[in-house]
Amino acid sequence: MNRTIIVMLGLSLIACTSKGKKTKKTPEKAPTMVRVWDTKGFKVPESVMYDPKSQLLFVSNIGGNPTQKNKNGFIATVNLMGVTQNPFWLTGLNAPKGMGILGETLYVTDIDRVIAINIPKAAIEKTWTVEGAKFLNDIAIGGDGSVFITDMMAKKIHIIKGGQLDTFLVLQYDRPNGLFTTGSTLWVGTALGLVKIDTRSKTITLEIDHKGGIDGLKALGDGGFLVSDWKGKVEIIKKGKAPVVLSDTSHEKINAADFEFIPQKNLIIVPTFFDNRIVAYQLR
């Protein structure tokens, strides 16, 4: 073979090899949850809500049966190191569940009523009784100060705006539970997946198919969402992508209820319901 041809073939082979190296991609590292601390001493903790002003976590404790009006429910406060500050910050509730904070007011669902609590005073300011309510569950605060509430069994979303309570809409999807707002969009976790609602037009779209129920719900800002299924699974879901399971304690019969996520600290705090703890994880 001609020497010139051999040299040219060698150079071509090197070029192809170099080109191949340039296009090689490093596999993306899957996100993980690493346990930081866990705190015991609760009684059926259902939801955790972070108050950036006081830098405390509010923990709603059902205190027994989730549907029983027994005044055994209460709210505890815990710091970000997992140390309980006040185990009975507010008592005399029935079965408190979802929470939301607007200014110095903590909103809490309590079976068939929504309670507004003055945070500095640790005192109830106002109570709304929802006529025909079956199982009020989660709360989310809109950008305009609207308070959205799910009734999981009645398939309704209620709204408190300007101090007035009304039914916002009735859903065709079963078990609406977790709520989150971004701008004028209300996200709702249902038995079939994540539903997107335009709060101005009330247009409803099933955005992400994810069967099994969504209890905790937080947006990650990249199109993905952190979700929990109550049974024990915490996942990241994203449209057009397979779910990424971060944690699954269902085989241990440890629940994962309505968690809190603090993006600035990448901290997820999960209430374990019947396991009577809250567990903090670092999202990495």
C-alpha atoms as a PDB file:
ATOM      1  CA  MET A   1       0.000   0.000   0.000  1.00  0.00           C
ATOM      2  CA  ASN A   2       1.200   3.499  -0.807  1.00  0.00           C
ATOM      3  CA  ARG A   3       2.841   5.156   2.249  1.00  0.00           C
ATOM      4  CA  THR A   4       0.859   8.378   1.661  1.00  0.00           C
ATOM      5  CA  ILE A   5      -2.412   6.466   1.776  1.00  0.00           C
ATOM      6  CA  ILE A   6      -1.357   4.753   5.042  1.00  0.00           C
ATOM      7  CA  VAL A   7      -0.585   8.122   6.672  1.00  0.00           C
ATOM      8  CA  MET A   8      -3.923   9.564   5.518  1.00  0.00           C
ATOM      9  CA  LEU A   9      -5.810   6.553   6.888  1.00  0.00           C
ATOM     10  CA  GLY A  10      -3.997   6.915  10.218  1.00  0.00           C
ATOM     11  CA  LEU A  11      -4.899  10.599  10.474  1.00  0.00           C
ATOM     12  CA  SER A  12      -8.529   9.831   9.623  1.00  0.00           C
ATOM     13  CA  LEU A  13      -8.646   7.175  12.354  1.00  0.00           C
ATOM     14  CA  ILE A  14      -7.243   9.619  14.948  1.00  0.00           C
ATOM     15  CA  ALA A  15      -9.777  12.267  13.908  1.00  0.00           C
ATOM     16  CA  CYS A  16     -12.657   9.821  14.250  1.00  0.00           C
ATOM     17  CA  THR A  17     -11.422   8.692  17.669  1.00  0.00           C
ATOM     18  CA  SER A  18     -11.080  12.293  18.876  1.00  0.00           C
ATOM     19  CA  LYS A  19     -14.530  13.149  17.588  1.00  0.00           C
ATOM     20  CA  GLY A  20     -15.949  10.162  19.435  1.00  0.00           C
ATOM     21  CA  LYS A  21     -14.366  11.322  22.693  1.00  0.00           C
ATOM     22  CA  LYS A  22     -15.878  14.794  22.342  1.00  0.00           C
ATOM     23  CA  THR A  23     -19.424  13.461  22.012  1.00  0.00           C
ATOM     24  CA  LYS A  24     -19.162  11.106  24.997  1.00  0.00           C
ATOM     25  CA  LYS A  25     -21.456  12.307  27.796  1.00  0.00           C
ATOM     26  CA  THR A  26     -21.025  11.825  31.522  1.00  0.00           C
ATOM     27  CA  PRO A  27     -24.106  10.123  32.983  1.00  0.00           C
ATOM     28  CA  GLU A  28     -26.244  12.396  35.150  1.00  0.00           C
ATOM     29  CA  LYS A  29     -25.981  11.672  38.850  1.00  0.00           C
ATOM     30  CA  ALA A  30     -29.328  10.595  40.252  1.00  0.00           C
ATOM     31  CA  PRO A  31     -30.559  12.748  43.166  1.00  0.00           C
ATOM     32  CA  THR A  32     -30.617  11.130  46.590  1.00  0.00           C
ATOM     33  CA  MET A  33     -32.045  11.780  50.060  1.00  0.00           C
ATOM     34  CA  VAL A  34     -29.626  11.517  52.991  1.00  0.00           C
ATOM     35  CA  ARG A  35     -31.074  11.431  56.495  1.00  0.00           C
ATOM     36  CA  VAL A  36     -29.932  14.295  58.732  1.00  0.00           C
ATOM     37  CA  TRP A  37     -32.035  13.873  61.870  1.00  0.00           C
ATOM     38  CA  ASP A  38     -35.296  12.463  63.163  1.00  0.00           C
ATOM     39  CA  THR A  39     -37.439  13.616  66.064  1.00  0.00           C
ATOM     40  CA  LYS A  40     -39.862  11.486  68.055  1.00  0.00           C
ATOM     41  CA  GLY A  41     -42.669  12.316  70.439  1.00  0.00           C
ATOM     42  CA  PHE A  42     -45.456  13.293  68.051  1.00  0.00           C
ATOM     43  CA  LYS A  43     -48.945  11.847  67.780  1.00  0.00           C
ATOM     44  CA  VAL A  44     -49.922  11.082  64.192  1.00  0.00           C
ATOM     45  CA  PRO A  45     -48.008  13.992  62.583  1.00  0.00           C
ATOM     46  CA  GLU A  46     -49.614  14.756  59.222  1.00  0.00           C
ATOM     47  CA  SER A  47     -48.030  17.948  57.902  1.00  0.00           C
ATOM     48  CA  VAL A  48     -44.918  20.109  58.348  1.00  0.00           C
ATOM     49  CA  MET A  49     -44.768  23.825  57.469  1.00  0.00           C
ATOM     50  CA  TYR A  50     -41.681  26.062  57.674  1.00  0.00           C
ATOM     51  CA  ASP A  51     -41.985  29.654  58.874  1.00  0.00           C
ATOM     52  CA  PRO A  52     -38.937  31.608  57.590  1.00  0.00           C
ATOM     53  CA  LYS A  53     -39.605  34.503  59.966  1.00  0.00           C
ATOM     54  CA  SER A  54     -39.335  32.464  63.164  1.00  0.00           C
ATOM     55  CA  GLN A  55     -37.221  29.767  61.467  1.00  0.00           C
ATOM     56  CA  LEU A  56     -39.430  27.159  63.073  1.00  0.00           C
ATOM     57  CA  LEU A  57     -41.235  24.127  61.722  1.00  0.00           C
ATOM     58  CA  PHE A  58     -44.912  23.781  62.572  1.00  0.00           C
ATOM     59  CA  VAL A  59     -46.042  20.156  62.880  1.00  0.00           C
ATOM     60  CA  SER A  60     -49.755  19.321  62.789  1.00  0.00           C
ATOM     61  CA  ASN A  61     -50.630  16.341  64.989  1.00  0.00           C
ATOM     62  CA  ILE A  62     -53.940  14.581  64.367  1.00  0.00           C
ATOM     63  CA  GLY A  63     -53.745  13.035  67.832  1.00  0.00           C
ATOM     64  CA  GLY A  64     -55.850   9.994  66.964  1.00  0.00           C
ATOM     65  CA  ASN A  65     -58.469   9.230  64.319  1.00  0.00           C
ATOM     66  CA  PRO A  66     -58.122  11.512  61.223  1.00  0.00           C
ATOM     67  CA  THR A  67     -61.907  12.020  61.016  1.00  0.00           C
ATOM     68  CA  GLN A  68     -62.865  12.209  64.687  1.00  0.00           C
ATOM     69  CA  LYS A  69     -63.789  15.476  66.405  1.00  0.00           C
ATOM     70  CA  ASN A  70     -62.207  14.863  69.788  1.00  0.00           C
ATOM     71  CA  LYS A  71     -60.134  18.011  70.480  1.00  0.00           C
ATOM     72  CA  ASN A  72     -57.030  15.831  70.806  1.00  0.00           C
ATOM     73  CA  GLY A  73     -55.288  17.485  67.852  1.00  0.00           C
ATOM     74  CA  PHE A  74     -52.450  19.951  68.341  1.00  0.00           C
ATOM     75  CA  ILE A  75     -49.588  21.779  66.667  1.00  0.00           C
ATOM     76  CA  ALA A  76     -45.962  21.487  67.789  1.00  0.00           C
ATOM     77  CA  THR A  77     -42.937  23.630  66.902  1.00  0.00           C
ATOM     78  CA  VAL A  78     -39.482  22.273  66.064  1.00  0.00           C
ATOM     79  CA  ASN A  79     -36.277  24.074  65.062  1.00  0.00           C
ATOM     80  CA  LEU A  80     -34.203  23.232  61.989  1.00  0.00           C
ATOM     81  CA  MET A  81     -31.863  21.063  64.066  1.00  0.00           C
ATOM     82  CA  GLY A  82     -34.773  18.802  64.949  1.00  0.00           C
ATOM     83  CA  VAL A  83     -35.147  20.014  68.537  1.00  0.00           C
ATOM     84  CA  THR A  84     -38.736  20.376  69.720  1.00  0.00           C
ATOM     85  CA  GLN A  85     -39.335  23.933  70.941  1.00  0.00           C
ATOM     86  CA  ASN A  86     -42.938  23.627  72.077  1.00  0.00           C
ATOM     87  CA  PRO A  87     -44.642  20.217  71.860  1.00  0.00           C
ATOM     88  CA  PHE A  88     -48.067  21.810  72.412  1.00  0.00           C
ATOM     89  CA  TRP A  89     -47.795  25.217  70.747  1.00  0.00           C
ATOM     90  CA  LEU A  90     -51.556  25.155  70.044  1.00  0.00           C
ATOM     91  CA  THR A  91     -54.006  22.604  71.428  1.00  0.00           C
ATOM     92  CA  GLY A  92     -57.729  21.856  71.344  1.00  0.00           C
ATOM     93  CA  LEU A  93     -57.952  21.053  67.628  1.00  0.00           C
ATOM     94  CA  ASN A  94     -59.695  17.977  66.258  1.00  0.00           C
ATOM     95  CA  ALA A  95     -57.556  16.412  63.515  1.00  0.00           C
ATOM     96  CA  PRO A  96     -55.367  19.184  62.006  1.00  0.00           C
ATOM     97  CA  LYS A  97     -53.766  18.372  58.661  1.00  0.00           C
ATOM     98  CA  GLY A  98     -52.540  20.689  55.872  1.00  0.00           C
ATOM     99  CA  MET A  99     -51.093  24.116  56.651  1.00  0.00           C
ATOM    100  CA  GLY A 100     -50.134  27.329  54.884  1.00  0.00           C
ATOM    101  CA  ILE A 101     -48.563  30.594  56.037  1.00  0.00           C
ATOM    102  CA  LEU A 102     -49.535  34.081  54.891  1.00  0.00           C
ATOM    103  CA  GLY A 103     -47.720  36.862  56.729  1.00  0.00           C
ATOM    104  CA  GLU A 104     -48.124  36.185  60.443  1.00  0.00           C
ATOM    105  CA  THR A 105     -51.107  33.877  59.978  1.00  0.00           C
ATOM    106  CA  LEU A 106     -50.975  30.086  59.940  1.00  0.00           C
ATOM    107  CA  TYR A 107     -53.930  28.467  58.153  1.00  0.00           C
ATOM    108  CA  VAL A 108     -54.809  24.897  59.132  1.00  0.00           C
ATOM    109  CA  THR A 109     -57.459  22.440  57.937  1.00  0.00           C
ATOM    110  CA  ASP A 110     -59.370  20.623  60.681  1.00  0.00           C
ATOM    111  CA  ILE A 111     -61.796  18.041  59.214  1.00  0.00           C
ATOM    112  CA  ASP A 112     -64.613  20.405  58.176  1.00  0.00           C
ATOM    113  CA  ARG A 113     -63.194  23.796  59.069  1.00  0.00           C
ATOM    114  CA  VAL A 114     -60.272  26.069  58.278  1.00  0.00           C
ATOM    115  CA  ILE A 115     -58.582  27.846  61.168  1.00  0.00           C
ATOM    116  CA  ALA A 116     -56.501  31.035  61.016  1.00  0.00           C
ATOM    117  CA  ILE A 117     -53.905  31.255  63.796  1.00  0.00           C
ATOM    118  CA  ASN A 118     -51.945  34.367  64.762  1.00  0.00           C
ATOM    119  CA  ILE A 119     -48.366  33.070  64.897  1.00  0.00           C
ATOM    120  CA  PRO A 120     -46.821  35.609  67.345  1.00  0.00           C
ATOM    121  CA  LYS A 121     -49.750  35.187  69.754  1.00  0.00           C
ATOM    122  CA  ALA A 122     -50.257  31.437  69.187  1.00  0.00           C
ATOM    123  CA  ALA A 123     -53.991  32.168  69.200  1.00  0.00           C
ATOM    124  CA  ILE A 124     -56.906  31.371  66.893  1.00  0.00           C
ATOM    125  CA  GLU A 125     -58.100  34.504  65.086  1.00  0.00           C
ATOM    126  CA  LYS A 126     -60.839  33.146  62.865  1.00  0.00           C
ATOM    127  CA  THR A 127     -62.560  29.901  61.911  1.00  0.00           C
ATOM    128  CA  TRP A 128     -64.453  29.065  58.714  1.00  0.00           C
ATOM    129  CA  THR A 129     -66.785  26.064  58.752  1.00  0.00           C
ATOM    130  CA  VAL A 130     -67.121  24.487  55.303  1.00  0.00           C
ATOM    131  CA  GLU A 131     -70.692  23.377  54.715  1.00  0.00           C
ATOM    132  CA  GLY A 132     -70.888  19.803  53.443  1.00  0.00           C
ATOM    133  CA  ALA A 133     -67.159  19.205  53.907  1.00  0.00           C
ATOM    134  CA  LYS A 134     -66.110  15.557  54.008  1.00  0.00           C
ATOM    135  CA  PHE A 135     -62.326  15.579  54.474  1.00  0.00           C
ATOM    136  CA  LEU A 136     -60.490  18.902  54.238  1.00  0.00           C
ATOM    137  CA  ASN A 137     -56.837  18.177  53.648  1.00  0.00           C
ATOM    138  CA  ASP A 138     -54.132  20.398  52.176  1.00  0.00           C
ATOM    139  CA  ILE A 139     -53.666  24.173  51.914  1.00  0.00           C
ATOM    140  CA  ALA A 140     -51.681  26.376  49.510  1.00  0.00           C
ATOM    141  CA  ILE A 141     -51.356  30.151  49.418  1.00  0.00           C
ATOM    142  CA  GLY A 142     -51.632  31.943  46.067  1.00  0.00           C
ATOM    143  CA  GLY A 143     -49.530  34.928  45.039  1.00  0.00           C
ATOM    144  CA  ASP A 144     -52.493  37.255  45.575  1.00  0.00           C
ATOM    145  CA  GLY A 145     -53.076  35.964  49.103  1.00  0.00           C
ATOM    146  CA  SER A 146     -55.828  33.520  48.172  1.00  0.00           C
ATOM    147  CA  VAL A 147     -55.973  30.439  50.388  1.00  0.00           C
ATOM    148  CA  PHE A 148     -56.774  27.213  48.501  1.00  0.00           C
ATOM    149  CA  ILE A 149     -58.062  24.128  50.319  1.00  0.00           C
ATOM    150  CA  THR A 150     -58.696  20.581  49.090  1.00  0.00           C
ATOM    151  CA  ASP A 151     -61.591  18.404  50.202  1.00  0.00           C
ATOM    152  CA  MET A 152     -60.209  14.996  49.312  1.00  0.00           C
ATOM    153  CA  MET A 153     -63.443  13.021  49.607  1.00  0.00           C
ATOM    154  CA  ALA A 154     -65.798  15.618  48.087  1.00  0.00           C
ATOM    155  CA  LYS A 155     -63.399  16.268  45.151  1.00  0.00           C
ATOM    156  CA  LYS A 156     -63.637  20.014  45.754  1.00  0.00           C
ATOM    157  CA  ILE A 157     -61.251  22.914  46.039  1.00  0.00           C
ATOM    158  CA  HIS A 158     -62.329  25.782  48.270  1.00  0.00           C
ATOM    159  CA  ILE A 159     -60.899  29.287  48.410  1.00  0.00           C
ATOM    160  CA  ILE A 160     -60.635  31.975  51.078  1.00  0.00           C
ATOM    161  CA  LYS A 161     -60.207  35.403  49.550  1.00  0.00           C
ATOM    162  CA  GLY A 162     -60.771  38.721  51.266  1.00  0.00           C
ATOM    163  CA  GLY A 163     -61.815  36.814  54.359  1.00  0.00           C
ATOM    164  CA  GLN A 164     -64.666  35.054  52.524  1.00  0.00           C
ATOM    165  CA  LEU A 165     -64.896  31.301  51.989  1.00  0.00           C
ATOM    166  CA  ASP A 166     -66.269  29.913  48.698  1.00  0.00           C
ATOM    167  CA  THR A 167     -66.066  26.751  46.619  1.00  0.00           C
ATOM    168  CA  PHE A 168     -63.497  27.404  43.895  1.00  0.00           C
ATOM    169  CA  LEU A 169     -64.326  24.379  41.721  1.00  0.00           C
ATOM    170  CA  VAL A 170     -65.312  20.713  41.687  1.00  0.00           C
ATOM    171  CA  LEU A 171     -62.826  18.263  40.154  1.00  0.00           C
ATOM    172  CA  GLN A 172     -63.521  15.183  38.050  1.00  0.00           C
ATOM    173  CA  TYR A 173     -60.385  13.559  39.485  1.00  0.00           C
ATOM    174  CA  ASP A 174     -60.539  11.380  42.594  1.00  0.00           C
ATOM    175  CA  ARG A 175     -58.779  12.158  45.880  1.00  0.00           C
ATOM    176  CA  PRO A 176     -57.457  15.690  45.324  1.00  0.00           C
ATOM    177  CA  ASN A 177     -54.927  16.188  48.082  1.00  0.00           C
ATOM    178  CA  GLY A 178     -51.545  17.951  47.853  1.00  0.00           C
ATOM    179  CA  LEU A 179     -51.511  21.575  46.687  1.00  0.00           C
ATOM    180  CA  PHE A 180     -48.850  23.983  45.428  1.00  0.00           C
ATOM    181  CA  THR A 181     -49.011  27.340  43.643  1.00  0.00           C
ATOM    182  CA  THR A 182     -46.699  28.941  41.079  1.00  0.00           C
ATOM    183  CA  GLY A 183     -47.862  32.312  39.797  1.00  0.00           C
ATOM    184  CA  SER A 184     -51.468  31.964  38.629  1.00  0.00           C
ATOM    185  CA  THR A 185     -51.199  28.167  38.455  1.00  0.00           C
ATOM    186  CA  LEU A 186     -52.577  25.849  41.109  1.00  0.00           C
ATOM    187  CA  TRP A 187     -51.087  22.358  41.147  1.00  0.00           C
ATOM    188  CA  VAL A 188     -53.194  19.562  42.625  1.00  0.00           C
ATOM    189  CA  GLY A 189     -52.103  16.025  43.430  1.00  0.00           C
ATOM    190  CA  THR A 190     -54.838  13.487  42.614  1.00  0.00           C
ATOM    191  CA  ALA A 191     -55.271   9.716  42.368  1.00  0.00           C
ATOM    192  CA  LEU A 192     -54.421   9.896  38.641  1.00  0.00           C
ATOM    193  CA  GLY A 193     -51.511  12.314  38.835  1.00  0.00           C
ATOM    194  CA  LEU A 194     -50.627  15.989  38.929  1.00  0.00           C
ATOM    195  CA  VAL A 195     -53.348  18.350  37.752  1.00  0.00           C
ATOM    196  CA  LYS A 196     -52.654  21.898  36.537  1.00  0.00           C
ATOM    197  CA  ILE A 197     -55.306  24.575  37.080  1.00  0.00           C
ATOM    198  CA  ASP A 198     -55.225  28.099  35.677  1.00  0.00           C
ATOM    199  CA  THR A 199     -56.733  30.055  38.569  1.00  0.00           C
ATOM    200  CA  ARG A 200     -57.933  32.819  36.222  1.00  0.00           C
ATOM    201  CA  SER A 201     -59.755  30.734  33.606  1.00  0.00           C
ATOM    202  CA  LYS A 202     -60.196  27.619  35.797  1.00  0.00           C
ATOM    203  CA  THR A 203     -58.879  25.499  32.923  1.00  0.00           C
ATOM    204  CA  ILE A 204     -57.955  22.033  34.211  1.00  0.00           C
ATOM    205  CA  THR A 205     -55.257  19.799  32.671  1.00  0.00           C
ATOM    206  CA  LEU A 206     -53.775  16.483  33.769  1.00  0.00           C
ATOM    207  CA  GLU A 207     -50.139  17.542  33.445  1.00  0.00           C
ATOM    208  CA  ILE A 208     -48.279  14.479  34.753  1.00  0.00           C
ATOM    209  CA  ASP A 209     -49.733  10.978  34.803  1.00  0.00           C
ATOM    210  CA  HIS A 210     -48.786   9.491  38.173  1.00  0.00           C
ATOM    211  CA  LYS A 211     -51.198   7.005  39.696  1.00  0.00           C
ATOM    212  CA  GLY A 212     -51.346   6.155  43.377  1.00  0.00           C
ATOM    213  CA  GLY A 213     -52.067   9.482  45.035  1.00  0.00           C
ATOM    214  CA  ILE A 214     -50.053  12.593  45.889  1.00  0.00           C
ATOM    215  CA  ASP A 215     -49.997  13.803  49.490  1.00  0.00           C
ATOM    216  CA  GLY A 216     -46.951  16.082  49.810  1.00  0.00           C
ATOM    217  CA  LEU A 217     -46.276  18.312  46.785  1.00  0.00           C
ATOM    218  CA  LYS A 218     -43.506  20.866  46.127  1.00  0.00           C
ATOM    219  CA  ALA A 219     -42.213  22.343  42.851  1.00  0.00           C
ATOM    220  CA  LEU A 220     -38.461  22.139  42.225  1.00  0.00           C
ATOM    221  CA  GLY A 221     -38.306  24.987  39.705  1.00  0.00           C
ATOM    222  CA  ASP A 222     -36.968  22.926  36.787  1.00  0.00           C
ATOM    223  CA  GLY A 223     -40.296  21.441  35.773  1.00  0.00           C
ATOM    224  CA  GLY A 224     -39.943  18.677  38.333  1.00  0.00           C
ATOM    225  CA  PHE A 225     -41.962  18.108  41.499  1.00  0.00           C
ATOM    226  CA  LEU A 226     -41.214  16.457  44.812  1.00  0.00           C
ATOM    227  CA  VAL A 227     -44.143  14.252  45.809  1.00  0.00           C
ATOM    228  CA  SER A 228     -45.031  11.764  48.528  1.00  0.00           C
ATOM    229  CA  ASP A 229     -47.737   9.115  48.366  1.00  0.00           C
ATOM    230  CA  TRP A 230     -48.514   8.869  52.123  1.00  0.00           C
ATOM    231  CA  LYS A 231     -47.772   5.124  52.093  1.00  0.00           C
ATOM    232  CA  GLY A 232     -44.025   5.791  52.372  1.00  0.00           C
ATOM    233  CA  LYS A 233     -42.647   6.785  48.984  1.00  0.00           C
ATOM    234  CA  VAL A 234     -40.969  10.123  48.136  1.00  0.00           C
ATOM    235  CA  GLU A 235     -40.276  10.746  44.440  1.00  0.00           C
ATOM    236  CA  ILE A 236     -39.382  13.330  41.839  1.00  0.00           C
ATOM    237  CA  ILE A 237     -41.847  13.422  38.961  1.00  0.00           C
ATOM    238  CA  LYS A 238     -41.488  15.354  35.722  1.00  0.00           C
ATOM    239  CA  LYS A 239     -43.546  15.511  32.546  1.00  0.00           C
ATOM    240  CA  GLY A 240     -42.315  12.989  29.980  1.00  0.00           C
ATOM    241  CA  LYS A 241     -39.849  11.421  32.423  1.00  0.00           C
ATOM    242  CA  ALA A 242     -39.912   8.288  34.541  1.00  0.00           C
ATOM    243  CA  PRO A 243     -40.361   8.947  38.284  1.00  0.00           C
ATOM    244  CA  VAL A 244     -37.191   8.996  40.390  1.00  0.00           C
ATOM    245  CA  VAL A 245     -37.722   7.242  43.720  1.00  0.00           C
ATOM    246  CA  LEU A 246     -35.745   9.021  46.449  1.00  0.00           C
ATOM    247  CA  SER A 247     -37.019   7.028  49.405  1.00  0.00           C
ATOM    248  CA  ASP A 248     -39.479   4.219  50.036  1.00  0.00           C
ATOM    249  CA  THR A 249     -40.285   3.154  53.599  1.00  0.00           C
ATOM    250  CA  SER A 250     -43.635   1.574  52.774  1.00  0.00           C
ATOM    251  CA  HIS A 251     -42.228  -1.937  53.297  1.00  0.00           C
ATOM    252  CA  GLU A 252     -41.360  -0.863  56.861  1.00  0.00           C
ATOM    253  CA  LYS A 253     -44.906   0.477  57.296  1.00  0.00           C
ATOM    254  CA  ILE A 254     -43.512   3.988  57.802  1.00  0.00           C
ATOM    255  CA  ASN A 255     -45.644   6.627  56.104  1.00  0.00           C
ATOM    256  CA  ALA A 256     -44.512   9.698  54.164  1.00  0.00           C
ATOM    257  CA  ALA A 257     -47.245  12.289  54.589  1.00  0.00           C
ATOM    258  CA  ASP A 258     -47.380  16.034  53.785  1.00  0.00           C
ATOM    259  CA  PHE A 259     -43.675  16.965  53.889  1.00  0.00           C
ATOM    260  CA  GLU A 260     -41.961  20.359  53.830  1.00  0.00           C
ATOM    261  CA  PHE A 261     -39.141  21.304  51.444  1.00  0.00           C
ATOM    262  CA  ILE A 262     -36.808  24.238  52.139  1.00  0.00           C
ATOM    263  CA  PRO A 263     -35.011  24.922  48.818  1.00  0.00           C
ATOM    264  CA  GLN A 264     -32.368  27.235  50.319  1.00  0.00           C
ATOM    265  CA  LYS A 265     -31.172  24.368  52.509  1.00  0.00           C
ATOM    266  CA  ASN A 266     -32.170  21.461  50.236  1.00  0.00           C
ATOM    267  CA  LEU A 267     -33.926  20.094  53.300  1.00  0.00           C
ATOM    268  CA  ILE A 268     -36.937  17.765  53.162  1.00  0.00           C
ATOM    269  CA  ILE A 269     -38.835  17.170  56.412  1.00  0.00           C
ATOM    270  CA  VAL A 270     -41.187  14.192  56.281  1.00  0.00           C
ATOM    271  CA  PRO A 271     -43.923  13.493  58.850  1.00  0.00           C
ATOM    272  CA  THR A 272     -44.289   9.741  59.307  1.00  0.00           C
ATOM    273  CA  PHE A 273     -47.935   9.734  60.444  1.00  0.00           C
ATOM    274  CA  PHE A 274     -48.549   6.505  62.425  1.00  0.00           C
ATOM    275  CA  ASP A 275     -44.793   6.157  63.044  1.00  0.00           C
ATOM    276  CA  ASN A 276     -45.021   9.366  65.152  1.00  0.00           C
ATOM    277  CA  ARG A 277     -41.802  11.044  63.990  1.00  0.00           C
ATOM    278  CA  ILE A 278     -40.627  13.727  61.617  1.00  0.00           C
ATOM    279  CA  VAL A 279     -37.506  12.890  59.627  1.00  0.00           C
ATOM    280  CA  ALA A 280     -35.250  15.431  57.900  1.00  0.00           C
ATOM    281  CA  TYR A 281     -33.290  14.580  54.755  1.00  0.00           C
ATOM    282  CA  GLN A 282     -30.750  16.452  52.674  1.00  0.00           C
ATOM    283  CA  LEU A 283     -31.604  16.406  48.970  1.00  0.00           C
ATOM    284  CA  ARG A 284     -28.380  15.861  47.024  1.00  0.00           C
END
